[in-house]
Protein backbone atom coordinates (compact mmCIF):
# COMPACT_ATOMS: atom_id res chain seq x y z
CA MET A 1 144.87 115.53 129.38
CA ALA A 2 142.39 116.16 132.35
CA ILE A 3 138.61 115.90 130.85
CA SER A 4 136.48 118.65 132.68
CA ARG A 5 132.88 117.83 134.16
CA SER A 6 130.53 120.17 131.66
CA ASP A 7 132.48 118.17 128.76
CA ARG A 8 131.96 114.73 129.94
CA ARG A 9 128.10 115.80 130.62
CA ASN A 10 128.10 116.65 127.07
CA ALA A 11 129.98 113.66 125.91
CA LYS A 12 127.13 111.56 127.46
CA LEU A 13 124.40 113.59 125.86
CA GLY A 14 125.41 112.80 122.15
CA GLU A 15 128.53 115.84 121.90
CA ILE A 16 126.04 118.50 122.18
CA LYS A 17 126.67 121.98 120.29
CA PRO A 18 126.20 124.93 122.54
CA SER A 19 123.70 125.94 119.47
CA GLU A 20 122.20 123.08 119.56
CA ILE A 21 118.45 122.74 121.74
CA VAL A 22 117.27 119.82 123.57
CA LEU A 23 115.47 118.45 126.89
CA GLY A 24 117.79 116.02 128.93
CA ARG A 25 119.03 113.01 128.68
CA THR A 26 118.54 111.41 125.14
CA PRO A 27 116.12 108.54 126.11
CA ARG A 28 116.20 105.15 124.60
CA ARG A 29 112.97 104.73 123.62
CA LYS A 30 112.79 107.04 120.19
CA GLY A 31 109.94 109.57 118.98
CA SER A 32 109.91 110.60 122.78
CA LEU A 33 109.43 114.25 123.43
CA ARG A 34 112.85 114.27 125.38
CA GLU A 35 114.58 114.44 121.87
CA SER A 36 112.19 117.51 121.18
CA PRO A 37 115.28 120.19 120.31
CA ILE A 38 114.07 122.90 123.15
CA TRP A 39 116.56 122.67 126.10
CA VAL A 40 120.31 123.84 126.23
CA PRO A 41 121.41 122.03 129.84
CA GLY A 42 122.49 124.19 131.98
CA ASP A 43 121.38 127.36 130.01
CA PRO A 44 119.52 129.86 132.09
CA GLU A 45 118.13 131.93 128.99
CA ALA A 46 116.73 128.77 127.57
CA VAL A 47 112.65 128.43 126.80
CA ARG A 48 111.91 124.90 127.63
CA PRO A 49 109.99 122.24 129.50
CA VAL A 50 110.60 121.68 133.39
CA VAL A 51 112.91 118.35 133.91
CA PRO A 52 111.96 115.84 136.23
CA GLY A 53 111.35 117.04 139.89
CA GLU A 54 111.57 120.81 139.08
CA THR A 55 107.90 121.04 139.72
CA TYR A 56 108.19 119.48 143.73
CA PRO A 57 110.22 122.82 144.81
CA LEU A 58 107.33 124.95 143.88
CA PHE A 59 104.50 123.09 145.03
CA VAL A 60 106.39 122.32 148.59
CA ALA A 61 106.87 126.16 148.22
CA GLY A 62 103.31 126.63 147.97
CA ILE A 63 102.26 124.74 151.27
CA LEU A 64 104.51 126.53 153.31
CA LEU A 65 103.16 129.93 151.97
CA ALA A 66 99.42 128.05 152.90
CA PHE A 67 100.36 127.28 156.27
CA VAL A 68 101.32 130.78 156.63
CA ALA A 69 98.13 132.07 155.28
CA LEU A 70 96.27 129.79 157.20
CA PHE A 71 97.90 130.76 160.79
CA VAL A 72 96.94 134.72 160.13
CA CYS A 73 93.39 133.70 158.76
CA TYR A 74 92.68 131.36 161.43
CA HIS A 75 94.01 134.03 164.25
CA HIS A 76 92.13 136.73 162.91
CA ASN A 77 88.92 134.69 162.39
CA TYR A 78 88.82 134.78 158.48
CA LEU A 79 88.09 131.20 157.99
CA LEU A 80 83.82 131.66 158.44
CA LEU A 81 83.65 134.99 156.93
CA TYR A 82 81.25 133.69 153.85
CA GLY A 83 78.16 132.49 154.28
CA ASP A 84 79.14 130.36 151.26
CA ALA A 85 82.08 128.88 153.24
CA VAL A 86 79.61 127.84 155.78
CA ALA A 87 76.94 126.33 153.75
CA HIS A 88 79.83 124.22 151.83
CA LEU A 89 80.54 123.01 155.14
CA ALA A 90 77.69 122.32 156.21
CA ILE A 91 76.54 120.35 153.04
CA ALA A 92 79.51 118.44 153.09
CA ARG A 93 78.37 117.63 156.90
CA ARG A 94 75.29 116.84 156.16
CA ILE A 95 76.11 113.69 153.80
CA LEU A 96 77.20 111.87 157.23
CA ASP A 97 75.50 113.86 159.68
CA ALA A 98 71.50 113.63 158.66
CA LYS A 99 68.84 111.21 159.49
CA TRP A 100 68.96 110.21 156.29
CA PRO A 101 72.60 110.39 154.99
CA GLY A 102 74.15 109.66 152.02
CA ILE A 103 74.74 111.37 148.20
CA ALA A 104 71.18 112.56 148.12
CA GLN A 105 72.23 115.48 150.53
CA LEU A 106 74.74 116.81 148.02
CA GLY A 107 71.83 119.10 146.64
CA GLY A 108 71.31 119.84 143.20
CA VAL A 109 72.91 123.42 142.40
CA TRP A 110 76.16 123.55 144.19
CA LEU A 111 78.69 120.75 142.31
CA PRO A 112 79.56 117.89 144.33
CA LEU A 113 83.52 118.17 143.89
CA PRO A 114 84.08 120.15 147.02
CA HIS A 115 81.94 118.82 149.65
CA ILE A 116 83.18 115.37 148.80
CA LEU A 117 86.37 116.39 149.43
CA MET A 118 85.71 117.29 153.00
CA LEU A 119 84.39 114.68 154.28
CA PRO A 120 87.38 113.03 155.63
CA PHE A 121 87.65 116.06 158.44
CA ILE A 122 84.22 117.04 158.33
CA MET A 123 83.01 114.78 161.39
CA ASN A 124 85.37 116.17 163.70
CA MET A 125 83.11 118.40 165.45
CA ARG A 126 86.05 121.20 165.71
CA MET A 127 87.16 121.09 162.78
CA TRP A 128 83.81 121.75 162.01
CA GLN A 129 83.08 124.83 163.87
CA THR A 130 86.79 126.33 162.88
CA GLY A 131 86.13 125.92 159.56
CA LEU A 132 89.59 124.14 159.28
CA ALA A 133 87.90 120.90 157.95
CA GLY A 134 87.58 123.21 154.25
CA ALA A 135 91.79 124.14 154.79
CA PRO A 136 93.34 121.01 153.56
CA MET A 137 91.66 120.86 149.94
CA ALA A 138 91.42 124.56 149.74
CA MET A 139 95.61 124.74 150.49
CA LEU A 140 96.88 121.87 148.37
CA SER A 141 94.97 123.18 145.58
CA TYR A 142 96.67 126.27 146.60
CA ALA A 143 100.25 124.86 146.00
CA ALA A 144 99.52 122.62 143.04
CA SER A 145 98.25 125.75 141.31
CA VAL A 146 101.33 127.62 141.96
CA ALA A 147 103.18 124.42 140.93
CA GLY A 148 101.25 124.17 137.93
CA ILE A 149 101.58 127.63 136.87
CA TRP A 150 105.23 127.53 137.08
CA ARG A 151 105.55 124.48 134.72
CA LEU A 152 103.39 126.35 131.89
CA SER A 153 105.23 129.28 132.36
CA ARG A 154 108.57 127.36 132.16
CA ARG A 155 107.39 125.98 128.61
CA MET A 156 106.67 130.24 127.74
CA MET A 157 109.69 132.09 128.98
CA ARG A 158 112.94 132.27 130.62
CA LEU A 159 113.41 131.09 134.01
CA ARG A 160 114.20 134.28 136.04
CA TRP A 161 110.42 135.47 134.08
CA ALA A 162 108.54 131.80 134.88
CA LEU A 163 109.45 132.54 138.60
CA VAL A 164 108.44 135.80 138.23
CA ALA A 165 104.93 134.85 137.25
CA THR A 166 104.97 132.05 139.60
CA THR A 167 106.00 134.57 142.16
CA PHE A 168 103.10 137.33 141.41
CA TYR A 169 100.67 134.16 141.09
CA ALA A 170 101.51 132.52 144.67
CA LEU A 171 102.12 136.36 146.44
CA ASN A 172 98.16 137.01 145.32
CA ALA A 173 96.47 138.34 148.82
CA ASN A 174 92.94 137.36 147.94
CA LEU A 175 94.59 133.73 146.93
CA LEU A 176 96.05 133.15 150.17
CA PHE A 177 92.80 134.35 151.97
CA LEU A 178 90.74 131.89 149.44
CA SER A 179 93.57 128.52 150.20
CA THR A 180 92.18 128.27 153.94
CA THR A 181 88.36 128.36 153.62
CA ALA A 182 86.19 125.94 152.47
CA MET A 183 85.03 128.34 149.17
CA THR A 184 85.56 126.64 146.04
CA GLU A 185 88.19 129.15 144.25
CA ALA A 186 91.46 127.37 145.07
CA LEU A 187 90.28 123.74 144.23
CA PHE A 188 88.88 125.07 140.78
CA LEU A 189 92.15 127.31 139.58
CA ALA A 190 94.41 124.39 140.65
CA LEU A 191 91.98 121.89 137.94
CA PHE A 192 91.60 124.72 135.51
CA VAL A 193 95.58 125.47 135.40
CA TRP A 194 96.99 121.50 135.40
CA SER A 195 94.39 120.96 132.93
CA ILE A 196 95.81 123.59 130.85
CA VAL A 197 99.32 122.30 131.67
CA ALA A 198 98.21 118.74 130.37
CA THR A 199 96.43 119.98 127.71
CA ALA A 200 99.63 121.80 126.28
CA GLU A 201 101.79 119.01 127.29
CA SER A 202 99.85 115.97 125.56
CA ILE A 203 99.70 118.02 122.16
CA SER A 204 103.78 118.82 122.42
CA ALA A 205 103.91 114.86 122.44
CA LEU A 206 101.72 114.50 119.68
CA ARG A 207 103.42 116.75 117.35
CA ALA A 208 106.81 115.09 118.71
CA ASN A 209 105.50 111.78 117.70
CA ASP A 210 105.62 110.52 121.08
CA PRO A 211 101.76 108.76 121.87
CA VAL A 212 103.09 107.44 125.37
CA THR A 213 103.86 110.93 126.41
CA ALA A 214 100.33 112.13 124.53
CA ARG A 215 98.15 109.08 125.90
CA ALA A 216 98.99 109.76 129.33
CA ARG A 217 98.84 113.79 129.57
CA MET A 218 95.62 113.24 127.78
CA MET A 219 93.95 110.95 130.34
CA LEU A 220 94.87 113.09 133.08
CA ALA A 221 93.38 116.06 131.24
CA GLY A 222 90.24 114.08 131.03
CA LEU A 223 90.22 113.25 134.75
CA LEU A 224 91.37 116.97 135.84
CA ILE A 225 88.49 118.54 133.06
CA LEU A 226 86.10 115.63 135.09
CA GLY A 227 87.15 117.38 138.44
CA GLN A 228 85.99 120.54 137.01
CA VAL A 229 82.99 119.63 135.98
CA PHE A 230 82.00 118.74 139.35
CA THR A 231 83.93 121.79 140.69
CA ARG A 232 82.34 124.81 139.13
CA TYR A 233 80.12 125.23 136.16
CA ASP A 234 82.79 127.43 134.41
CA GLY A 235 84.41 124.47 133.83
CA TRP A 236 81.66 122.48 132.17
CA ILE A 237 82.92 125.73 129.36
CA ILE A 238 86.83 124.73 129.68
CA GLY A 239 85.82 121.13 129.34
CA ALA A 240 84.34 121.58 126.20
CA ILE A 241 87.10 123.91 124.39
CA ILE A 242 89.66 121.78 125.79
CA TRP A 243 88.04 118.60 124.08
CA LEU A 244 87.49 120.76 120.74
CA CYS A 245 91.89 121.23 121.09
CA PHE A 246 92.26 117.93 121.23
CA ALA A 247 89.61 117.07 118.30
CA TRP A 248 91.72 119.33 116.29
CA ALA A 249 94.75 118.40 117.24
CA LEU A 250 94.03 114.53 116.46
CA TRP A 251 93.00 115.92 113.75
CA THR A 252 95.76 117.40 111.91
CA SER A 253 98.07 114.80 113.37
CA ASP A 254 99.99 112.26 110.75
CA ALA A 255 97.53 109.48 110.06
CA ASP A 256 99.67 106.53 112.02
CA LEU A 257 99.63 108.52 115.18
CA ARG A 258 95.90 109.37 115.00
CA ARG A 259 94.67 105.35 114.44
CA ARG A 260 97.14 104.50 117.92
CA MET A 261 95.73 107.46 119.57
CA ARG A 262 91.54 106.79 118.60
CA PRO A 263 90.87 104.83 121.49
CA TRP A 264 92.93 107.10 123.95
CA PHE A 265 90.70 109.87 122.24
CA ILE A 266 87.25 108.20 123.00
CA LEU A 267 88.26 107.27 126.40
CA PHE A 268 89.00 111.14 127.00
CA THR A 269 85.66 111.75 125.28
CA ILE A 270 83.95 109.72 127.96
CA PHE A 271 85.52 111.78 130.89
CA CYS A 272 84.14 115.43 129.34
CA VAL A 273 80.98 114.25 129.21
CA ALA A 274 80.36 111.98 131.90
CA GLY A 275 80.42 114.79 134.42
CA PRO A 276 77.35 116.77 132.63
CA LEU A 277 75.45 113.62 132.24
CA LEU A 278 76.21 111.82 135.65
CA TRP A 279 74.48 116.11 137.20
CA PHE A 280 71.63 115.78 134.88
CA TRP A 281 70.54 112.69 136.10
CA TYR A 282 71.61 113.29 139.78
CA ASN A 283 69.02 116.54 139.46
CA HIS A 284 66.53 114.41 137.13
CA HIS A 285 66.32 111.49 140.18
CA PHE A 286 66.88 113.73 143.59
CA GLU A 287 65.28 117.05 142.77
CA GLY A 288 62.87 116.16 140.02
CA ASP A 289 64.07 118.30 137.42
CA TRP A 290 67.13 117.57 134.90
CA LEU A 291 67.35 121.64 134.84
CA ASP A 292 67.14 122.08 138.62
CA PHE A 293 70.42 123.29 138.99
CA LEU A 294 70.01 126.12 135.73
CA ARG A 295 65.95 126.72 136.77
CA GLY A 296 65.10 125.76 140.06
CA PRO A 297 64.21 127.61 143.25
CA TYR A 298 68.11 128.08 144.28
CA SER A 299 69.54 128.89 140.45
CA ALA A 300 71.39 131.97 140.08
CA LYS A 301 68.10 133.08 138.00
CA GLN A 302 65.64 132.88 140.83
CA ILE A 303 68.16 134.02 143.66
CA GLU A 304 68.36 137.30 141.51
CA ARG A 305 64.54 137.58 140.72
CA ARG A 306 64.19 137.15 144.93
CA THR A 307 66.53 139.85 146.03
CA ALA A 308 66.19 142.58 143.01
CA PRO A 309 63.78 144.94 143.79
CA PRO A 310 60.47 144.73 141.30
CA GLY A 311 61.26 146.12 138.07
CA GLN A 312 64.93 146.31 138.55
CA HIS A 313 68.57 144.79 137.53
CA TYR A 314 71.48 145.10 138.11
CA ARG A 315 74.25 146.99 136.48
CA GLY A 316 75.24 144.52 133.05
CA TRP A 317 71.77 142.74 133.01
CA HIS A 318 71.45 142.02 129.40
CA ASN A 319 74.36 144.67 128.91
CA ILE A 320 77.31 143.45 127.19
CA GLY A 321 79.52 146.50 127.21
CA TRP A 322 78.74 147.13 131.13
CA ALA A 323 79.25 142.94 131.80
CA ALA A 324 82.84 143.23 130.47
CA LEU A 325 83.63 146.48 132.44
CA PHE A 326 82.55 145.18 135.76
CA TYR A 327 84.25 141.72 134.91
CA THR A 328 87.55 143.01 133.85
CA ARG A 329 87.63 145.86 136.77
CA THR A 330 87.24 143.00 139.38
CA ALA A 331 89.93 141.11 137.69
CA GLN A 332 92.48 143.93 137.95
CA ILE A 333 91.78 144.87 141.78
CA ASP A 334 91.80 140.81 142.37
CA ALA A 335 95.10 140.97 140.83
CA ALA A 336 97.36 144.18 141.71
CA ALA A 337 97.08 146.70 144.34
CA TRP A 338 95.31 150.13 144.06
CA GLU A 339 94.75 151.38 140.60
CA THR A 340 97.89 149.10 139.14
CA GLY A 341 95.96 146.55 137.64
CA PHE A 342 95.40 148.78 134.58
CA ALA A 343 98.79 148.80 133.92
CA LEU A 344 98.66 144.48 134.57
CA MET A 345 95.88 144.11 132.11
CA ALA A 346 97.28 146.14 129.65
CA ALA A 347 100.59 143.89 129.98
CA ALA A 348 98.58 140.65 129.95
CA LEU A 349 97.09 142.33 126.75
CA TYR A 350 100.23 142.84 125.24
CA GLY A 351 102.15 139.29 126.00
CA LEU A 352 98.86 137.92 124.65
CA TRP A 353 99.69 139.73 121.31
CA LEU A 354 103.31 138.61 121.33
CA SER A 355 102.51 135.29 121.74
CA PHE A 356 99.92 134.95 119.63
CA LYS A 357 102.38 136.85 116.81
CA ARG A 358 104.99 134.33 117.40
CA ARG A 359 102.37 131.08 117.46
CA ALA A 360 103.94 129.60 114.10
CA THR A 361 107.58 129.45 114.94
CA THR A 362 108.79 126.16 115.26
CA ALA A 363 110.27 126.30 118.89
CA VAL A 364 106.87 127.88 119.87
CA ARG A 365 105.03 125.18 118.21
CA ALA A 366 106.69 122.72 119.38
CA ARG A 367 105.95 123.80 123.26
CA ALA A 368 102.11 123.86 122.28
CA GLU A 369 102.50 126.95 123.92
CA SER A 370 99.48 128.86 122.44
CA PHE A 371 97.01 126.24 124.23
CA SER A 372 98.00 129.06 127.24
CA TRP A 373 95.55 131.12 125.33
CA LEU A 374 93.00 128.72 127.04
CA PHE A 375 93.77 130.67 130.60
CA TRP A 376 91.70 133.77 129.06
CA ILE A 377 88.22 131.53 128.88
CA PRO A 378 87.01 133.11 131.98
CA LEU A 379 86.96 136.62 130.56
CA PRO A 380 83.49 135.68 127.66
CA PHE A 381 82.44 133.27 130.17
CA TYR A 382 81.84 136.04 133.08
CA ILE A 383 81.21 138.36 130.46
CA TYR A 384 78.24 136.47 129.42
CA SER A 385 77.13 135.15 132.75
CA ILE A 386 76.93 138.83 133.94
CA ALA A 387 74.61 140.19 130.91
CA TYR A 388 72.61 136.74 130.32
CA GLY A 389 73.04 134.65 133.60
CA SER A 390 71.56 136.37 136.59
CA VAL A 391 75.09 136.67 138.05
CA PRO A 392 75.75 140.39 139.36
CA ILE A 393 79.16 141.42 140.32
CA PHE A 394 79.47 144.37 142.69
CA ILE A 395 82.91 146.28 143.33
CA PRO A 396 83.27 149.62 145.58
CA GLN A 397 85.27 151.30 142.34
CA LEU A 398 81.20 150.95 139.85
CA TRP A 399 77.82 151.32 141.18
CA PRO A 400 76.14 150.67 143.42
CA HIS A 401 79.80 150.85 145.19
CA SER A 402 79.68 147.82 147.33
CA TYR A 403 80.49 144.32 147.62
CA TYR A 404 79.53 141.40 145.85
CA ASN A 405 81.16 138.04 143.99
CA ALA A 406 84.07 139.54 143.87
CA ARG A 407 86.14 136.53 144.15
CA TYR A 408 85.06 135.91 140.21
CA GLY A 409 87.69 137.69 139.25
CA MET A 410 89.96 135.36 140.08
CA GLU A 411 89.70 133.24 138.05
CA LEU A 412 91.39 135.85 135.16
CA LEU A 413 94.18 135.55 137.82
CA PRO A 414 96.62 132.89 135.93
CA ALA A 415 96.41 134.95 132.55
CA LEU A 416 97.42 138.19 133.85
CA ALA A 417 99.84 136.38 135.87
CA ILE A 418 101.85 134.32 132.81
CA PHE A 419 101.12 137.34 129.87
CA ALA A 420 102.50 140.27 131.94
CA ALA A 421 105.13 138.36 132.92
CA LEU A 422 106.05 137.98 128.96
CA SER A 423 104.79 141.42 128.69
CA ALA A 424 107.42 141.84 131.26
CA GLU A 425 110.36 139.65 129.57
CA ARG A 426 110.06 141.37 125.97
CA PHE A 427 110.50 144.43 127.68
CA GLU A 428 114.03 143.10 129.39
CA LEU A 429 114.94 141.89 125.29
CA TRP A 430 114.52 145.01 124.20
CA LEU A 431 116.81 146.67 126.80
CA LYS A 432 119.04 144.49 125.64
CA THR A 433 118.66 145.50 122.35
CA LEU A 434 119.38 148.91 123.53
CA THR A 435 122.35 148.07 125.71
CA SER A 436 123.93 146.42 122.56
CA ASN A 437 123.57 149.16 120.33
CA THR A 438 124.74 152.32 123.06
CA ALA A 439 127.18 152.51 125.48
CA ARG A 440 124.97 154.12 127.64
CA PRO A 441 125.38 153.04 131.60
CA ALA A 442 121.80 153.45 132.68
CA VAL A 443 120.16 151.60 130.24
CA SER A 444 123.17 148.95 131.10
CA LEU A 445 121.80 149.37 134.84
CA ALA A 446 118.12 148.72 134.11
CA THR A 447 118.58 146.09 131.76
CA ARG A 448 120.41 143.88 134.68
CA PHE A 449 118.10 145.02 137.32
CA TRP A 450 114.97 144.89 135.06
CA GLN A 451 113.76 141.28 136.36
CA PRO A 452 114.88 141.80 140.11
CA ALA A 453 112.31 144.90 140.12
CA ALA A 454 110.06 142.93 138.78
CA MET A 455 110.54 140.40 141.93
CA LEU A 456 110.20 143.21 144.41
CA LEU A 457 107.30 144.62 142.68
CA CYS A 458 105.46 141.43 142.96
CA VAL A 459 106.11 141.49 146.62
CA ALA A 460 105.13 145.00 146.93
CA ASN A 461 101.85 144.13 145.40
CA CYS A 462 101.28 141.87 147.73
CA ILE A 463 101.74 143.65 150.92
CA ALA A 464 100.02 146.82 149.46
CA MET A 465 96.62 144.61 148.58
CA MET A 466 97.13 143.38 152.51
CA TYR A 467 98.03 146.80 153.95
CA PHE A 468 94.39 147.99 152.14
CA ILE A 469 92.55 144.59 152.82
CA PRO A 470 91.97 142.27 149.46
CA PRO A 471 88.79 143.17 148.00
CA VAL A 472 87.98 139.31 148.22
CA LEU A 473 88.87 139.38 152.03
CA LYS A 474 86.83 142.92 152.52
CA GLU A 475 83.89 141.52 151.04
CA GLY A 476 83.69 138.59 153.30
CA ILE A 477 84.48 141.41 156.42
CA VAL A 478 81.60 143.47 155.16
CA ASN A 479 78.87 141.50 154.36
CA SER A 480 79.52 139.14 157.28
CA LYS A 481 78.60 141.51 160.71
CA THR A 482 75.35 141.37 160.31
CA ARG A 483 74.70 137.44 159.87
CA ILE A 484 77.63 136.44 162.05
CA SER A 485 75.95 138.42 165.34
CA LEU A 486 72.56 136.58 164.66
CA GLU A 487 74.13 133.31 164.40
CA ARG A 488 76.06 133.62 167.65
CA ASN A 489 73.48 134.89 169.34
CA LEU A 490 71.38 132.04 167.83
CA ALA A 491 73.91 130.03 168.52
CA ILE A 492 73.55 131.14 172.65
CA ALA A 493 69.72 130.06 172.58
CA LEU A 494 71.06 126.49 170.70
CA GLU A 495 73.19 125.67 173.61
CA GLU A 496 70.94 126.03 176.22
CA MET A 497 68.75 123.72 174.91
CA PRO A 498 68.99 119.83 175.81
CA ALA A 499 71.23 118.15 173.66
CA ASN A 500 69.14 115.25 173.02
CA VAL A 501 65.56 117.66 171.88
CA PRO A 502 64.83 117.97 168.40
CA VAL A 503 64.81 121.56 167.35
CA MET A 504 62.84 122.95 164.06
CA MET A 505 65.23 125.51 162.07
CA SER A 506 65.74 126.59 158.44
CA LEU A 507 68.60 126.11 157.94
CA THR A 508 68.99 127.35 153.99
CA ASN A 509 70.59 130.97 155.59
CA HIS A 510 71.51 130.57 158.96
CA VAL A 511 73.26 126.83 159.44
CA GLY A 512 75.88 128.76 160.91
CA ALA A 513 74.45 128.90 164.10
CA VAL A 514 74.06 125.34 164.33
CA GLN A 515 77.47 124.70 163.65
CA THR A 516 78.52 127.57 166.50
CA ALA A 517 76.74 125.38 168.85
CA GLY A 518 77.92 122.74 168.03
CA ARG A 519 74.96 120.74 167.30
CA THR A 520 74.73 117.65 165.14
CA LEU A 521 72.51 118.35 161.85
CA ARG A 522 70.65 115.06 162.50
CA GLY A 523 69.11 116.47 165.56
CA MET A 524 67.51 119.47 163.81
CA VAL A 525 64.33 118.87 162.17
CA SER A 526 65.10 120.93 158.89
CA GLU A 527 65.10 121.09 155.10
CA ASN A 528 68.14 118.48 155.16
CA ASP A 529 65.29 115.87 155.70
CA ASP A 530 62.43 117.07 153.06
CA GLN A 531 59.82 114.75 153.79
CA ASP A 532 60.17 114.64 157.83
CA TRP A 533 60.50 118.94 157.23
CA GLN A 534 56.93 118.86 155.00
CA ILE A 535 55.37 116.92 157.98
CA ALA A 536 56.64 119.35 160.27
CA LEU A 537 55.60 122.48 158.45
CA LYS A 538 51.84 121.28 159.11
CA ASP A 539 52.03 120.98 162.92
CA PRO A 540 55.33 122.54 164.23
CA ALA A 541 54.48 121.88 168.34
CA ARG A 542 54.54 117.82 167.79
CA HIS A 543 57.56 117.60 165.75
CA ALA A 544 59.92 119.55 167.53
CA ALA A 545 60.77 120.13 171.23
CA TYR A 546 61.95 123.72 170.39
CA VAL A 547 61.03 125.86 166.96
CA ILE A 548 63.09 129.03 165.80
CA ALA A 549 61.76 130.94 163.65
CA VAL A 550 63.28 134.03 161.48
CA VAL A 551 60.72 136.43 160.20
CA GLY A 552 60.03 135.72 157.13
CA ASP A 553 61.56 131.97 156.86
CA PRO A 554 59.91 128.69 156.31
CA VAL A 555 59.15 127.93 159.91
CA ASP A 556 57.95 131.39 160.53
CA LYS A 557 55.09 130.82 157.64
CA ALA A 558 54.25 127.66 159.40
CA ILE A 559 54.15 128.84 162.64
CA ALA A 560 51.42 132.03 161.58
CA ALA A 561 49.39 129.43 160.03
CA HIS A 562 49.69 126.76 162.63
CA PRO A 563 50.65 128.23 165.84
CA GLN A 564 48.41 126.48 168.24
CA GLY A 565 51.16 124.28 171.16
CA LEU A 566 54.05 127.08 171.16
CA GLY A 567 54.82 129.66 173.70
CA GLU A 568 57.76 132.13 172.83
CA ILE A 569 60.53 132.02 174.98
CA GLU A 570 62.49 134.46 173.11
CA VAL A 571 62.89 137.26 170.67
CA ILE A 572 66.39 137.83 169.03
CA CYS A 573 67.38 140.71 167.02
CA THR A 574 70.12 142.38 165.53
CA THR A 575 70.84 145.11 163.40
CA GLY A 576 70.67 144.75 159.34
CA GLN A 577 68.82 140.85 160.35
CA PRO A 578 65.11 140.31 160.13
CA CYS A 579 64.08 139.20 164.33
CA ALA A 580 64.54 135.21 165.42
CA HIS A 581 61.73 134.38 167.64
CA VAL A 582 62.52 131.20 169.67
CA TYR A 583 59.13 129.01 171.06
CA GLN A 584 58.93 125.53 173.01
CA SER A 585 56.52 123.60 172.47
CA LEU A 586 53.96 122.43 174.65
CA LEU A 587 52.92 119.14 172.54
CA TRP A 588 55.64 117.69 171.86
CA THR A 589 56.52 114.44 173.86
CA PRO A 590 59.83 112.43 173.55
CA PRO A 591 59.25 108.71 171.67
CA PRO A 592 58.81 105.80 173.14
CA ILE A 593 62.38 103.83 173.75
CA ILE A 594 61.77 100.62 172.84
CA SER A 595 63.79 97.93 174.73
CA ILE A 596 64.49 94.25 173.35
CA LYS A 597 64.42 92.00 175.71
């Protein structure tokens, strides 16, 4: 009698019964995670971890979507809308293009990993001027985060609903925009998602008594935490909580397994604490204060003091209720079009409740599904940051009805995507229950088309967000109009100056003018080289051939104190920005040329 292909496959797997649940082919080593009872081969209704090679197509799809987003954003000149994106590119550039290049140019507030990742591309003048130098980092990060969402969703829900969660995340219009810029959100989300994936897989392996997989994923989690710590300060809190998760998992594991994992846990701990300790050392060594990022002149607290009206504070300052309202509303409008974010948030919270209720079941515990709750860490972190960390968020839905830091809501996108899909899957199961109890065709039809309808809603959400302009992109458009206008006019003035003469200008707020003009940073007398800068402020005319002062900046104050030898040649004024004065020095002379015989 002929044997079918499926029968031969089941024979190779050890005569698997339809009711048994296993993962993939039976491995040679005993105690492997691959022996865990969590997969019926070929069963689309199975909830299981991914199999080897399953994640790569999602990564490729993410790359293709990122290229489409790059084409659109580059065509519409969106890459440099954010002043922060321009500043990130400038920091990366000055590491190599400065009178005194090196790690001292990293600065003490913004964390260094994004700038280091841009170094291979930043010295290409065209890539710097267009903002394309930041695109490879952001695009790869976006694709990696899409693959990570799929990988974790597959551990929590059926294949078709994992696809819904991944599609909703991947087609978020705000995220697609951020995947083309030099901002840090795309990179951080990739590190954030994969650190939770690695944590879940490692602890799942611990529970399956598979130390080889457990320690490999633990080391991966440690490296990802190190990356998070050097990308955004949110990563410091996330890293600490993940460390506690591993410590608890090991504490409650078998004594023999705990002994075998102890050296790897110590190495993991070193990864977790190395980032903050290195950043403390860097701030102490180069900025003179180990907490300069927290209390220095460019810290969030000092910026809020300089920009807020005297005696006034933004709404949410020292008020947990308002802070919670601002952040949850921001997360809603970042994730969903129009006001559908309310329904999305409600569905995600219900999905979180479902995950909590089933946490103790054998299959869920074997998959370590509960560690997906870590996706909600940004919620308390940003509520606290708004209330007590001098981090305001403004959105048009709430007073003062403007745009500022709307992108911070993006960090809750993974939680909203995954847990809303989990809630939608539960609704499908409820419909199936109704179908089995009633013969009504409408219920049967709704059951069959609920998942395709959810996929269409994901696509519709993306189209609607693009139609109304996603809030993160809208913030960049609204807040950049006057800045870009001033920087373009300053760039015209810079282009008229000889390329080989020094120009004195403060680059803290308007380095985009130098970027647009295509001048090198080493040819500028600026804060990038602090010792020369402090000397030049005492006698501007003798240290630069041309001086550009924007009203109120350090150069403007220096000229007011030392105006000798400067002749004003141009005044540049644009709506919404302070005027800039361009001076030519009457005292500057080029340094003598030393010839070596």
